[in-house]
Amino acid sequence: MKAFREIMSWVIPILVGLLIAFGVRSVWFTMVKVDGSSMDPNLTNSERVFVFRTDKIKTETIHRGSVVVFDAYGEDPAATESKDYVKRVIGLPGDTVSAVDGVLKVNGKVVDQDYISESEQAATNNVNQVGNWSSLKQLGDRQGWTGKKTVKVPAGKYFVLGDHRTVSNDSRYWGFVDNDKVLGVVKVPFWGNDTKKQNINTAWKSYFE
């Protein structure tokens, strides 16, 4: 009986700890595996990252420059079923966004894009006949967005781009992401690469040049 009590004295705390950890994981955050190369080089295919749920952690605000996970079904016409996309938020509700020869401007201010190469910055405009755009409405008209085509990002919406602009399927082609579709904000774990942690976790802190 004494031996049983001793065993249970360390088994029970472990079980309680696991239950608490599961509860925290399912309520506050989840783990997501990156699918594809649209966020290269900052997030690579099959890389696992934390996603902190913005609907559960009120302090986890979505900023310009935040990397988010959202359900693309109903946003991207090519997504015929629920599918998670990982992209970077470029424009918040009420923002204007323009891009000329790879130079991104939000509300007339130049965005610091040091998190990607100059060639990928240029690819913002020079792939798939996207071209330069001086307003989001101009971009939407050119690309044939099926949703709203407005000069400013509408209320409750975001304008998002992938870091690997050459291949990324993002807001350039189909428009805005609804806030209700956003699962949460991506964070590279503490054991991850320092450059990736800076480019994913904290790039929003120095968003403009």
N, C-alpha and C. Protein backbone atom coordinates (compact mmCIF):
# COMPACT_ATOMS: atom_id res chain seq x y z
N MET A 1 0.82 -1.21 0.00
CA MET A 1 0.00 0.00 0.00
C MET A 1 0.86 1.26 0.00
N LYS A 2 1.93 1.23 0.79
CA LYS A 2 2.83 2.38 0.83
C LYS A 2 3.47 2.62 -0.53
N ALA A 3 3.87 1.53 -1.19
CA ALA A 3 4.49 1.65 -2.51
C ALA A 3 3.50 2.22 -3.53
N PHE A 4 2.23 1.82 -3.40
CA PHE A 4 1.19 2.33 -4.31
C PHE A 4 1.02 3.83 -4.14
N ARG A 5 1.00 4.29 -2.86
CA ARG A 5 0.84 5.73 -2.60
C ARG A 5 2.02 6.51 -3.18
N GLU A 6 3.23 5.95 -3.04
CA GLU A 6 4.41 6.64 -3.57
C GLU A 6 4.35 6.78 -5.09
N ILE A 7 3.90 5.70 -5.73
CA ILE A 7 3.78 5.74 -7.20
C ILE A 7 2.75 6.77 -7.62
N MET A 8 1.58 6.76 -6.94
CA MET A 8 0.52 7.70 -7.29
C MET A 8 0.90 9.14 -6.99
N SER A 9 1.83 9.34 -6.04
CA SER A 9 2.23 10.70 -5.67
C SER A 9 2.93 11.41 -6.82
N TRP A 10 3.53 10.67 -7.74
CA TRP A 10 4.15 11.32 -8.91
C TRP A 10 3.36 11.08 -10.19
N VAL A 11 2.53 10.03 -10.21
CA VAL A 11 1.72 9.78 -11.40
C VAL A 11 0.61 10.82 -11.52
N ILE A 12 -0.07 11.12 -10.42
CA ILE A 12 -1.20 12.05 -10.44
C ILE A 12 -0.78 13.45 -10.90
N PRO A 13 0.32 14.03 -10.33
CA PRO A 13 0.73 15.36 -10.83
C PRO A 13 1.03 15.38 -12.33
N ILE A 14 1.61 14.29 -12.84
CA ILE A 14 1.91 14.21 -14.27
C ILE A 14 0.61 14.21 -15.08
N LEU A 15 -0.36 13.41 -14.64
CA LEU A 15 -1.64 13.35 -15.35
C LEU A 15 -2.36 14.70 -15.31
N VAL A 16 -2.34 15.34 -14.15
CA VAL A 16 -2.98 16.65 -14.03
C VAL A 16 -2.29 17.66 -14.95
N GLY A 17 -0.95 17.60 -14.97
CA GLY A 17 -0.19 18.50 -15.83
C GLY A 17 -0.53 18.31 -17.29
N LEU A 18 -0.68 17.05 -17.70
CA LEU A 18 -1.03 16.77 -19.09
C LEU A 18 -2.42 17.28 -19.43
N LEU A 19 -3.36 17.11 -18.51
CA LEU A 19 -4.72 17.59 -18.74
C LEU A 19 -4.75 19.11 -18.85
N ILE A 20 -3.99 19.79 -17.98
CA ILE A 20 -3.92 21.25 -18.04
C ILE A 20 -3.30 21.69 -19.35
N ALA A 21 -2.20 21.02 -19.72
CA ALA A 21 -1.51 21.38 -20.96
C ALA A 21 -2.42 21.18 -22.16
N PHE A 22 -3.20 20.10 -22.17
CA PHE A 22 -4.12 19.86 -23.28
C PHE A 22 -5.19 20.94 -23.34
N GLY A 23 -5.69 21.32 -22.14
CA GLY A 23 -6.71 22.36 -22.10
C GLY A 23 -6.19 23.68 -22.60
N VAL A 24 -4.98 24.06 -22.19
CA VAL A 24 -4.37 25.30 -22.65
C VAL A 24 -4.14 25.26 -24.14
N ARG A 25 -3.65 24.11 -24.63
CA ARG A 25 -3.36 23.98 -26.05
C ARG A 25 -4.62 24.13 -26.88
N SER A 26 -5.70 23.48 -26.46
CA SER A 26 -6.91 23.50 -27.28
C SER A 26 -7.66 24.82 -27.19
N VAL A 27 -7.47 25.58 -26.08
CA VAL A 27 -8.18 26.84 -25.92
C VAL A 27 -7.35 28.02 -26.41
N TRP A 28 -6.07 28.06 -26.04
CA TRP A 28 -5.25 29.24 -26.30
C TRP A 28 -4.44 29.17 -27.59
N PHE A 29 -3.94 27.99 -27.92
CA PHE A 29 -3.11 27.89 -29.11
C PHE A 29 -3.21 26.49 -29.70
N THR A 30 -2.71 26.36 -30.91
CA THR A 30 -2.62 25.07 -31.56
C THR A 30 -1.33 25.02 -32.36
N MET A 31 -1.00 23.85 -32.85
CA MET A 31 0.17 23.70 -33.71
C MET A 31 -0.32 23.48 -35.14
N VAL A 32 0.33 24.16 -36.07
CA VAL A 32 -0.05 24.05 -37.48
C VAL A 32 1.18 23.70 -38.30
N LYS A 33 1.02 22.81 -39.27
CA LYS A 33 2.11 22.47 -40.17
C LYS A 33 1.96 23.30 -41.45
N VAL A 34 3.02 24.03 -41.79
CA VAL A 34 3.02 24.86 -42.99
C VAL A 34 2.94 23.95 -44.21
N ASP A 35 2.01 24.28 -45.10
CA ASP A 35 1.82 23.48 -46.31
C ASP A 35 2.18 24.32 -47.53
N GLY A 36 3.32 24.03 -48.14
CA GLY A 36 3.72 24.76 -49.33
C GLY A 36 4.86 25.73 -49.07
N SER A 37 5.24 26.44 -50.12
CA SER A 37 6.43 27.30 -50.06
C SER A 37 6.11 28.79 -50.13
N SER A 38 4.85 29.17 -49.93
CA SER A 38 4.47 30.57 -50.13
C SER A 38 5.04 31.52 -49.09
N MET A 39 5.60 30.98 -47.99
CA MET A 39 6.20 31.83 -46.97
C MET A 39 7.72 31.65 -46.89
N ASP A 40 8.30 30.95 -47.86
CA ASP A 40 9.76 30.83 -47.91
C ASP A 40 10.39 32.22 -48.00
N PRO A 41 11.56 32.44 -47.40
CA PRO A 41 12.37 31.49 -46.64
C PRO A 41 12.06 31.51 -45.15
N ASN A 42 11.08 32.30 -44.75
CA ASN A 42 10.83 32.50 -43.32
C ASN A 42 10.06 31.35 -42.68
N LEU A 43 9.20 30.70 -43.45
CA LEU A 43 8.54 29.47 -43.03
C LEU A 43 8.61 28.50 -44.20
N THR A 44 9.06 27.30 -43.92
CA THR A 44 9.27 26.33 -44.99
C THR A 44 8.21 25.23 -44.97
N ASN A 45 8.07 24.55 -46.07
CA ASN A 45 7.10 23.48 -46.20
C ASN A 45 7.28 22.44 -45.10
N SER A 46 6.18 22.06 -44.46
CA SER A 46 6.11 21.05 -43.40
C SER A 46 6.66 21.53 -42.05
N GLU A 47 7.09 22.78 -41.96
CA GLU A 47 7.54 23.32 -40.68
C GLU A 47 6.34 23.47 -39.74
N ARG A 48 6.56 23.14 -38.47
CA ARG A 48 5.48 23.27 -37.47
C ARG A 48 5.67 24.55 -36.67
N VAL A 49 4.57 25.28 -36.50
CA VAL A 49 4.62 26.56 -35.79
C VAL A 49 3.44 26.64 -34.82
N PHE A 50 3.59 27.49 -33.81
CA PHE A 50 2.49 27.77 -32.91
C PHE A 50 1.55 28.78 -33.55
N VAL A 51 0.26 28.60 -33.32
CA VAL A 51 -0.73 29.59 -33.74
C VAL A 51 -1.54 29.97 -32.51
N PHE A 52 -1.39 31.22 -32.08
CA PHE A 52 -2.12 31.72 -30.91
C PHE A 52 -3.46 32.28 -31.36
N ARG A 53 -4.52 31.76 -30.77
CA ARG A 53 -5.87 32.08 -31.21
C ARG A 53 -6.28 33.48 -30.77
N THR A 54 -6.56 34.33 -31.72
CA THR A 54 -6.90 35.71 -31.42
C THR A 54 -8.28 35.84 -30.77
N ASP A 55 -9.13 34.81 -30.95
CA ASP A 55 -10.46 34.87 -30.33
C ASP A 55 -10.43 34.47 -28.87
N LYS A 56 -9.29 33.91 -28.41
CA LYS A 56 -9.17 33.45 -27.03
C LYS A 56 -8.18 34.29 -26.22
N ILE A 57 -7.17 34.84 -26.88
CA ILE A 57 -6.17 35.65 -26.18
C ILE A 57 -6.31 37.08 -26.67
N LYS A 58 -6.96 37.90 -25.88
CA LYS A 58 -7.30 39.25 -26.31
C LYS A 58 -6.06 40.12 -26.53
N THR A 59 -4.96 39.77 -25.86
CA THR A 59 -3.74 40.57 -26.03
C THR A 59 -3.01 40.23 -27.32
N GLU A 60 -3.41 39.15 -27.99
CA GLU A 60 -2.73 38.72 -29.23
C GLU A 60 -3.39 39.44 -30.40
N THR A 61 -3.01 40.70 -30.56
CA THR A 61 -3.61 41.54 -31.59
C THR A 61 -2.97 41.28 -32.95
N ILE A 62 -3.76 41.40 -34.00
CA ILE A 62 -3.22 41.31 -35.36
C ILE A 62 -2.72 42.69 -35.77
N HIS A 63 -1.43 42.76 -36.11
CA HIS A 63 -0.80 44.01 -36.52
C HIS A 63 -0.49 43.95 -38.02
N ARG A 64 -0.17 45.10 -38.62
CA ARG A 64 0.48 45.09 -39.92
C ARG A 64 1.81 44.37 -39.75
N GLY A 65 2.05 43.37 -40.58
CA GLY A 65 3.28 42.60 -40.48
C GLY A 65 3.13 41.29 -39.72
N SER A 66 2.00 41.10 -39.01
CA SER A 66 1.75 39.83 -38.35
C SER A 66 1.57 38.73 -39.39
N VAL A 67 1.99 37.53 -39.05
CA VAL A 67 1.75 36.37 -39.90
C VAL A 67 0.60 35.58 -39.29
N VAL A 68 -0.40 35.29 -40.11
CA VAL A 68 -1.62 34.67 -39.60
C VAL A 68 -1.96 33.40 -40.38
N VAL A 69 -2.77 32.57 -39.73
CA VAL A 69 -3.37 31.40 -40.39
C VAL A 69 -4.86 31.67 -40.54
N PHE A 70 -5.40 31.40 -41.72
CA PHE A 70 -6.84 31.59 -41.95
C PHE A 70 -7.36 30.48 -42.85
N ASP A 71 -8.66 30.28 -42.77
CA ASP A 71 -9.34 29.31 -43.64
C ASP A 71 -9.64 30.00 -44.96
N ALA A 72 -9.04 29.50 -46.03
CA ALA A 72 -9.17 30.13 -47.35
C ALA A 72 -10.48 29.82 -48.05
N TYR A 73 -11.25 28.86 -47.52
CA TYR A 73 -12.52 28.52 -48.16
C TYR A 73 -13.47 29.72 -48.07
N GLY A 74 -13.98 30.15 -49.20
CA GLY A 74 -14.85 31.31 -49.25
C GLY A 74 -14.10 32.61 -49.49
N GLU A 75 -12.78 32.57 -49.43
CA GLU A 75 -11.95 33.74 -49.70
C GLU A 75 -11.25 33.58 -51.05
N ASP A 76 -10.50 32.50 -51.20
CA ASP A 76 -9.85 32.16 -52.46
C ASP A 76 -10.78 31.24 -53.25
N PRO A 77 -11.25 31.66 -54.41
CA PRO A 77 -12.17 30.81 -55.19
C PRO A 77 -11.60 29.44 -55.53
N ALA A 78 -10.26 29.33 -55.53
CA ALA A 78 -9.64 28.04 -55.84
C ALA A 78 -9.75 27.05 -54.68
N ALA A 79 -10.05 27.54 -53.48
CA ALA A 79 -10.17 26.66 -52.31
C ALA A 79 -11.61 26.14 -52.25
N THR A 80 -11.81 24.91 -52.67
CA THR A 80 -13.15 24.34 -52.77
C THR A 80 -13.60 23.65 -51.48
N GLU A 81 -12.71 23.62 -50.49
CA GLU A 81 -13.04 23.10 -49.17
C GLU A 81 -12.16 23.80 -48.15
N SER A 82 -12.42 23.56 -46.89
CA SER A 82 -11.65 24.22 -45.83
C SER A 82 -10.16 23.91 -45.97
N LYS A 83 -9.35 24.97 -46.01
CA LYS A 83 -7.90 24.81 -46.17
C LYS A 83 -7.18 25.98 -45.50
N ASP A 84 -6.21 25.67 -44.66
CA ASP A 84 -5.46 26.70 -43.95
C ASP A 84 -4.39 27.32 -44.84
N TYR A 85 -4.40 28.64 -44.92
CA TYR A 85 -3.34 29.40 -45.59
C TYR A 85 -2.55 30.17 -44.53
N VAL A 86 -1.25 30.31 -44.75
CA VAL A 86 -0.39 31.11 -43.87
C VAL A 86 0.13 32.29 -44.69
N LYS A 87 -0.19 33.51 -44.28
CA LYS A 87 0.23 34.72 -45.01
C LYS A 87 0.57 35.83 -44.02
N ARG A 88 1.18 36.89 -44.57
CA ARG A 88 1.52 38.07 -43.76
C ARG A 88 0.49 39.18 -44.01
N VAL A 89 0.02 39.77 -42.92
CA VAL A 89 -0.92 40.87 -43.02
C VAL A 89 -0.17 42.12 -43.48
N ILE A 90 -0.63 42.69 -44.58
CA ILE A 90 -0.03 43.92 -45.12
C ILE A 90 -0.89 45.13 -44.78
N GLY A 91 -2.21 45.00 -44.96
CA GLY A 91 -3.12 46.10 -44.71
C GLY A 91 -4.21 45.73 -43.72
N LEU A 92 -4.46 46.64 -42.77
CA LEU A 92 -5.54 46.49 -41.80
C LEU A 92 -6.78 47.23 -42.28
N PRO A 93 -7.92 47.01 -41.63
CA PRO A 93 -9.13 47.74 -42.01
C PRO A 93 -8.90 49.25 -42.04
N GLY A 94 -9.33 49.88 -43.14
CA GLY A 94 -9.17 51.32 -43.30
C GLY A 94 -7.89 51.74 -43.99
N ASP A 95 -6.97 50.80 -44.21
CA ASP A 95 -5.68 51.12 -44.84
C ASP A 95 -5.81 51.22 -46.36
N THR A 96 -4.97 52.06 -46.96
CA THR A 96 -4.75 52.03 -48.40
C THR A 96 -3.45 51.26 -48.64
N VAL A 97 -3.37 50.52 -49.74
CA VAL A 97 -2.18 49.74 -50.07
C VAL A 97 -1.87 49.94 -51.55
N SER A 98 -0.61 50.30 -51.85
CA SER A 98 -0.16 50.40 -53.23
C SER A 98 1.16 49.67 -53.37
N ALA A 99 1.51 49.33 -54.60
CA ALA A 99 2.79 48.65 -54.85
C ALA A 99 3.27 49.01 -56.25
N VAL A 100 4.47 49.56 -56.31
CA VAL A 100 5.07 49.95 -57.59
C VAL A 100 6.50 49.44 -57.62
N ASP A 101 6.78 48.55 -58.58
CA ASP A 101 8.12 47.99 -58.73
C ASP A 101 8.66 47.41 -57.42
N GLY A 102 7.79 46.74 -56.69
CA GLY A 102 8.20 46.06 -55.46
C GLY A 102 8.20 46.92 -54.22
N VAL A 103 7.95 48.21 -54.38
CA VAL A 103 7.89 49.11 -53.22
C VAL A 103 6.45 49.14 -52.72
N LEU A 104 6.25 48.60 -51.53
CA LEU A 104 4.93 48.56 -50.92
C LEU A 104 4.72 49.82 -50.09
N LYS A 105 3.54 50.40 -50.21
CA LYS A 105 3.19 51.54 -49.37
C LYS A 105 1.82 51.28 -48.73
N VAL A 106 1.76 51.56 -47.44
CA VAL A 106 0.50 51.48 -46.70
C VAL A 106 0.21 52.86 -46.14
N ASN A 107 -0.93 53.41 -46.52
CA ASN A 107 -1.28 54.78 -46.12
C ASN A 107 -0.21 55.78 -46.52
N GLY A 108 0.43 55.51 -47.66
CA GLY A 108 1.44 56.40 -48.20
C GLY A 108 2.82 56.24 -47.61
N LYS A 109 2.98 55.34 -46.64
CA LYS A 109 4.29 55.12 -46.01
C LYS A 109 4.93 53.86 -46.59
N VAL A 110 6.24 53.90 -46.82
CA VAL A 110 6.97 52.76 -47.39
C VAL A 110 7.13 51.67 -46.33
N VAL A 111 6.77 50.44 -46.70
CA VAL A 111 6.89 49.29 -45.80
C VAL A 111 8.31 48.76 -45.84
N ASP A 112 8.88 48.49 -44.67
CA ASP A 112 10.20 47.87 -44.56
C ASP A 112 10.05 46.38 -44.85
N GLN A 113 10.61 45.93 -45.99
CA GLN A 113 10.48 44.53 -46.39
C GLN A 113 11.81 43.77 -46.30
N ASP A 114 12.61 44.11 -45.31
CA ASP A 114 13.90 43.45 -45.13
C ASP A 114 13.77 41.96 -44.83
N TYR A 115 12.57 41.50 -44.52
CA TYR A 115 12.35 40.08 -44.22
C TYR A 115 12.35 39.22 -45.48
N ILE A 116 12.37 39.85 -46.68
CA ILE A 116 12.48 39.09 -47.93
C ILE A 116 13.52 39.75 -48.82
N SER A 117 13.96 39.02 -49.83
CA SER A 117 15.00 39.51 -50.73
C SER A 117 14.45 40.58 -51.67
N GLU A 118 15.34 41.31 -52.30
CA GLU A 118 14.92 42.34 -53.25
C GLU A 118 14.19 41.73 -54.44
N SER A 119 14.62 40.53 -54.84
CA SER A 119 13.96 39.87 -55.98
C SER A 119 12.53 39.48 -55.64
N GLU A 120 12.30 39.08 -54.40
CA GLU A 120 10.93 38.74 -54.00
C GLU A 120 10.10 40.00 -53.80
N GLN A 121 10.71 41.08 -53.38
CA GLN A 121 9.99 42.36 -53.31
C GLN A 121 9.51 42.75 -54.70
N ALA A 122 10.41 42.64 -55.69
CA ALA A 122 10.06 42.98 -57.07
C ALA A 122 8.96 42.08 -57.61
N ALA A 123 8.95 40.81 -57.14
CA ALA A 123 7.95 39.85 -57.61
C ALA A 123 6.53 40.21 -57.16
N THR A 124 6.41 41.13 -56.21
CA THR A 124 5.09 41.62 -55.81
C THR A 124 4.32 42.08 -57.04
N ASN A 125 5.04 42.67 -57.99
CA ASN A 125 4.39 43.25 -59.17
C ASN A 125 4.70 42.55 -60.48
N ASN A 126 5.87 41.90 -60.57
CA ASN A 126 6.31 41.47 -61.90
C ASN A 126 6.04 40.00 -62.23
N VAL A 127 5.18 39.34 -61.45
CA VAL A 127 4.81 37.95 -61.80
C VAL A 127 3.33 37.89 -62.17
N ASN A 128 3.00 36.94 -63.02
CA ASN A 128 1.60 36.65 -63.37
C ASN A 128 0.80 37.88 -63.80
N GLN A 129 1.49 38.82 -64.41
CA GLN A 129 0.84 40.02 -64.94
C GLN A 129 0.08 40.81 -63.87
N VAL A 130 0.58 40.75 -62.64
CA VAL A 130 -0.05 41.53 -61.58
C VAL A 130 0.12 43.02 -61.86
N GLY A 131 1.34 43.43 -62.18
CA GLY A 131 1.60 44.83 -62.50
C GLY A 131 1.60 45.73 -61.28
N ASN A 132 1.92 46.99 -61.51
CA ASN A 132 1.89 47.98 -60.44
C ASN A 132 0.44 48.37 -60.14
N TRP A 133 0.17 48.74 -58.90
CA TRP A 133 -1.15 49.26 -58.58
C TRP A 133 -1.04 50.44 -57.61
N SER A 134 -1.82 51.45 -57.89
CA SER A 134 -1.83 52.64 -57.05
C SER A 134 -2.94 52.60 -56.02
N SER A 135 -3.89 51.69 -56.21
CA SER A 135 -4.97 51.51 -55.23
C SER A 135 -5.44 50.06 -55.27
N LEU A 136 -6.07 49.63 -54.19
CA LEU A 136 -6.59 48.27 -54.13
C LEU A 136 -7.74 48.08 -55.12
N LYS A 137 -8.50 49.11 -55.35
CA LYS A 137 -9.59 49.00 -56.33
C LYS A 137 -9.03 48.74 -57.73
N GLN A 138 -7.94 49.43 -58.06
CA GLN A 138 -7.31 49.22 -59.36
C GLN A 138 -6.82 47.78 -59.48
N LEU A 139 -6.20 47.26 -58.40
CA LEU A 139 -5.73 45.88 -58.40
C LEU A 139 -6.90 44.92 -58.53
N GLY A 140 -7.98 45.15 -57.77
CA GLY A 140 -9.14 44.27 -57.81
C GLY A 140 -9.81 44.23 -59.16
N ASP A 141 -9.93 45.39 -59.79
CA ASP A 141 -10.53 45.45 -61.13
C ASP A 141 -9.68 44.68 -62.14
N ARG A 142 -8.37 44.84 -62.04
CA ARG A 142 -7.46 44.18 -62.99
C ARG A 142 -7.48 42.67 -62.81
N GLN A 143 -7.51 42.22 -61.55
CA GLN A 143 -7.44 40.79 -61.27
C GLN A 143 -8.80 40.10 -61.25
N GLY A 144 -9.86 40.87 -61.33
CA GLY A 144 -11.19 40.28 -61.38
C GLY A 144 -11.66 39.69 -60.06
N TRP A 145 -11.35 40.38 -58.97
CA TRP A 145 -11.84 39.90 -57.68
C TRP A 145 -13.35 39.74 -57.72
N THR A 146 -13.85 38.70 -57.09
CA THR A 146 -15.30 38.48 -57.05
C THR A 146 -15.94 39.21 -55.87
N GLY A 147 -15.12 39.56 -54.86
CA GLY A 147 -15.63 40.26 -53.69
C GLY A 147 -15.50 41.77 -53.85
N LYS A 148 -15.44 42.46 -52.70
CA LYS A 148 -15.38 43.92 -52.70
C LYS A 148 -14.12 44.44 -53.37
N LYS A 149 -14.27 45.51 -54.14
CA LYS A 149 -13.14 46.18 -54.78
C LYS A 149 -13.18 47.63 -54.31
N THR A 150 -12.43 47.90 -53.27
CA THR A 150 -12.47 49.20 -52.62
C THR A 150 -11.07 49.81 -52.57
N VAL A 151 -11.02 51.12 -52.43
CA VAL A 151 -9.73 51.81 -52.32
C VAL A 151 -9.06 51.47 -50.99
N LYS A 152 -9.87 51.36 -49.93
CA LYS A 152 -9.35 51.02 -48.60
C LYS A 152 -9.75 49.60 -48.22
N VAL A 153 -8.95 48.97 -47.35
CA VAL A 153 -9.32 47.66 -46.82
C VAL A 153 -10.62 47.82 -46.04
N PRO A 154 -11.64 47.03 -46.36
CA PRO A 154 -12.94 47.19 -45.68
C PRO A 154 -12.88 46.83 -44.20
N ALA A 155 -13.85 47.28 -43.45
CA ALA A 155 -13.96 46.93 -42.03
C ALA A 155 -14.03 45.42 -41.87
N GLY A 156 -13.31 44.90 -40.87
CA GLY A 156 -13.33 43.47 -40.60
C GLY A 156 -12.59 42.62 -41.61
N LYS A 157 -11.72 43.25 -42.42
CA LYS A 157 -10.98 42.53 -43.46
C LYS A 157 -9.48 42.82 -43.35
N TYR A 158 -8.68 41.98 -44.03
CA TYR A 158 -7.23 42.18 -44.11
C TYR A 158 -6.77 41.96 -45.55
N PHE A 159 -5.68 42.65 -45.91
CA PHE A 159 -5.00 42.41 -47.18
C PHE A 159 -3.72 41.68 -46.85
N VAL A 160 -3.51 40.50 -47.44
CA VAL A 160 -2.39 39.63 -47.06
C VAL A 160 -1.54 39.25 -48.26
N LEU A 161 -0.26 39.04 -48.01
CA LEU A 161 0.68 38.56 -49.03
C LEU A 161 1.54 37.45 -48.43
N GLY A 162 1.98 36.52 -49.29
CA GLY A 162 2.99 35.56 -48.88
C GLY A 162 4.38 36.18 -49.01
N ASP A 163 5.34 35.68 -48.25
CA ASP A 163 6.71 36.21 -48.35
C ASP A 163 7.39 35.77 -49.65
N HIS A 164 7.01 34.60 -50.15
CA HIS A 164 7.58 34.10 -51.41
C HIS A 164 6.67 34.60 -52.54
N ARG A 165 6.79 35.86 -52.84
CA ARG A 165 5.84 36.53 -53.74
C ARG A 165 5.79 35.91 -55.13
N THR A 166 6.88 35.27 -55.55
CA THR A 166 6.91 34.65 -56.88
C THR A 166 5.85 33.59 -57.04
N VAL A 167 5.57 32.85 -55.97
CA VAL A 167 4.65 31.71 -56.07
C VAL A 167 3.40 31.86 -55.21
N SER A 168 3.39 32.81 -54.30
CA SER A 168 2.29 32.91 -53.33
C SER A 168 0.96 33.23 -53.99
N ASN A 169 -0.06 32.48 -53.58
CA ASN A 169 -1.44 32.74 -53.98
C ASN A 169 -2.07 33.54 -52.84
N ASP A 170 -2.27 34.82 -53.06
CA ASP A 170 -2.65 35.69 -51.94
C ASP A 170 -3.64 36.77 -52.37
N SER A 171 -3.77 37.81 -51.56
CA SER A 171 -4.77 38.85 -51.80
C SER A 171 -4.64 39.55 -53.14
N ARG A 172 -3.47 39.52 -53.73
CA ARG A 172 -3.33 40.13 -55.05
C ARG A 172 -4.31 39.54 -56.05
N TYR A 173 -4.58 38.25 -55.91
CA TYR A 173 -5.35 37.53 -56.93
C TYR A 173 -6.84 37.40 -56.61
N TRP A 174 -7.21 37.43 -55.32
CA TRP A 174 -8.61 37.20 -54.99
C TRP A 174 -9.20 38.14 -53.93
N GLY A 175 -8.40 39.02 -53.36
CA GLY A 175 -9.00 40.04 -52.49
C GLY A 175 -8.73 39.86 -51.01
N PHE A 176 -9.67 40.28 -50.20
CA PHE A 176 -9.46 40.43 -48.76
C PHE A 176 -9.80 39.16 -47.98
N VAL A 177 -9.24 39.10 -46.75
CA VAL A 177 -9.52 38.00 -45.83
C VAL A 177 -10.39 38.51 -44.70
N ASP A 178 -11.50 37.84 -44.46
CA ASP A 178 -12.40 38.23 -43.39
C ASP A 178 -11.83 37.85 -42.02
N ASN A 179 -11.99 38.75 -41.05
CA ASN A 179 -11.48 38.50 -39.71
C ASN A 179 -12.03 37.19 -39.12
N ASP A 180 -13.27 36.86 -39.46
CA ASP A 180 -13.87 35.63 -38.93
C ASP A 180 -13.20 34.37 -39.45
N LYS A 181 -12.43 34.51 -40.53
CA LYS A 181 -11.74 33.36 -41.10
C LYS A 181 -10.36 33.13 -40.47
N VAL A 182 -9.90 34.09 -39.68
CA VAL A 182 -8.55 34.01 -39.12
C VAL A 182 -8.54 33.12 -37.89
N LEU A 183 -7.68 32.09 -37.91
CA LEU A 183 -7.52 31.19 -36.77
C LEU A 183 -6.67 31.84 -35.69
N GLY A 184 -5.57 32.47 -36.10
CA GLY A 184 -4.70 33.09 -35.10
C GLY A 184 -3.41 33.59 -35.69
N VAL A 185 -2.54 34.05 -34.79
CA VAL A 185 -1.25 34.63 -35.16
C VAL A 185 -0.15 33.58 -35.01
N VAL A 186 0.71 33.49 -36.03
CA VAL A 186 1.78 32.50 -36.05
C VAL A 186 2.98 32.99 -35.24
N LYS A 187 3.57 32.08 -34.47
CA LYS A 187 4.81 32.35 -33.75
C LYS A 187 5.78 31.19 -33.95
N VAL A 188 7.00 31.52 -34.34
CA VAL A 188 8.06 30.51 -34.39
C VAL A 188 8.46 30.21 -32.95
N PRO A 189 8.53 28.93 -32.54
CA PRO A 189 8.84 28.60 -31.15
C PRO A 189 10.23 29.05 -30.72
N PHE A 190 10.44 29.12 -29.41
CA PHE A 190 11.69 29.66 -28.86
C PHE A 190 12.92 28.89 -29.31
N TRP A 191 12.75 27.63 -29.68
CA TRP A 191 13.91 26.85 -30.12
C TRP A 191 14.19 27.02 -31.62
N GLY A 192 13.40 27.84 -32.29
CA GLY A 192 13.56 28.05 -33.73
C GLY A 192 14.73 28.95 -34.08
N ASN A 193 14.97 29.06 -35.38
CA ASN A 193 16.03 29.90 -35.93
C ASN A 193 15.80 31.37 -35.54
N ASP A 194 16.89 32.06 -35.12
CA ASP A 194 16.77 33.45 -34.65
C ASP A 194 16.25 34.38 -35.75
N THR A 195 16.73 34.18 -36.98
CA THR A 195 16.27 35.02 -38.08
C THR A 195 14.79 34.83 -38.34
N LYS A 196 14.34 33.58 -38.31
CA LYS A 196 12.92 33.31 -38.52
C LYS A 196 12.08 33.91 -37.40
N LYS A 197 12.56 33.81 -36.17
CA LYS A 197 11.81 34.38 -35.05
C LYS A 197 11.67 35.89 -35.23
N GLN A 198 12.73 36.53 -35.68
CA GLN A 198 12.66 37.98 -35.90
C GLN A 198 11.71 38.32 -37.04
N ASN A 199 11.81 37.59 -38.14
CA ASN A 199 11.02 37.91 -39.33
C ASN A 199 9.54 37.53 -39.20
N ILE A 200 9.25 36.56 -38.36
CA ILE A 200 7.87 36.14 -38.16
C ILE A 200 7.26 36.74 -36.90
N ASN A 201 7.96 36.64 -35.80
CA ASN A 201 7.38 37.01 -34.51
C ASN A 201 7.35 38.51 -34.24
N THR A 202 8.39 39.22 -34.70
CA THR A 202 8.52 40.63 -34.28
C THR A 202 8.68 41.63 -35.41
N ALA A 203 8.60 41.20 -36.68
CA ALA A 203 8.77 42.13 -37.80
C ALA A 203 7.75 43.25 -37.76
N TRP A 204 6.59 42.99 -37.18
CA TRP A 204 5.53 44.01 -37.13
C TRP A 204 5.94 45.23 -36.31
N LYS A 205 6.92 45.05 -35.42
CA LYS A 205 7.33 46.16 -34.54
C LYS A 205 8.08 47.25 -35.31
N SER A 206 8.63 46.91 -36.47
CA SER A 206 9.33 47.90 -37.29
C SER A 206 8.79 47.81 -38.71
N TYR A 207 7.49 48.04 -38.85
CA TYR A 207 6.80 47.78 -40.11
C TYR A 207 7.17 48.76 -41.21
N PHE A 208 7.34 50.01 -40.85
CA PHE A 208 7.66 51.03 -41.86
C PHE A 208 9.14 51.39 -41.85
N GLU A 209 9.64 51.84 -43.01
CA GLU A 209 11.04 52.25 -43.11
C GLU A 209 11.26 53.53 -42.31
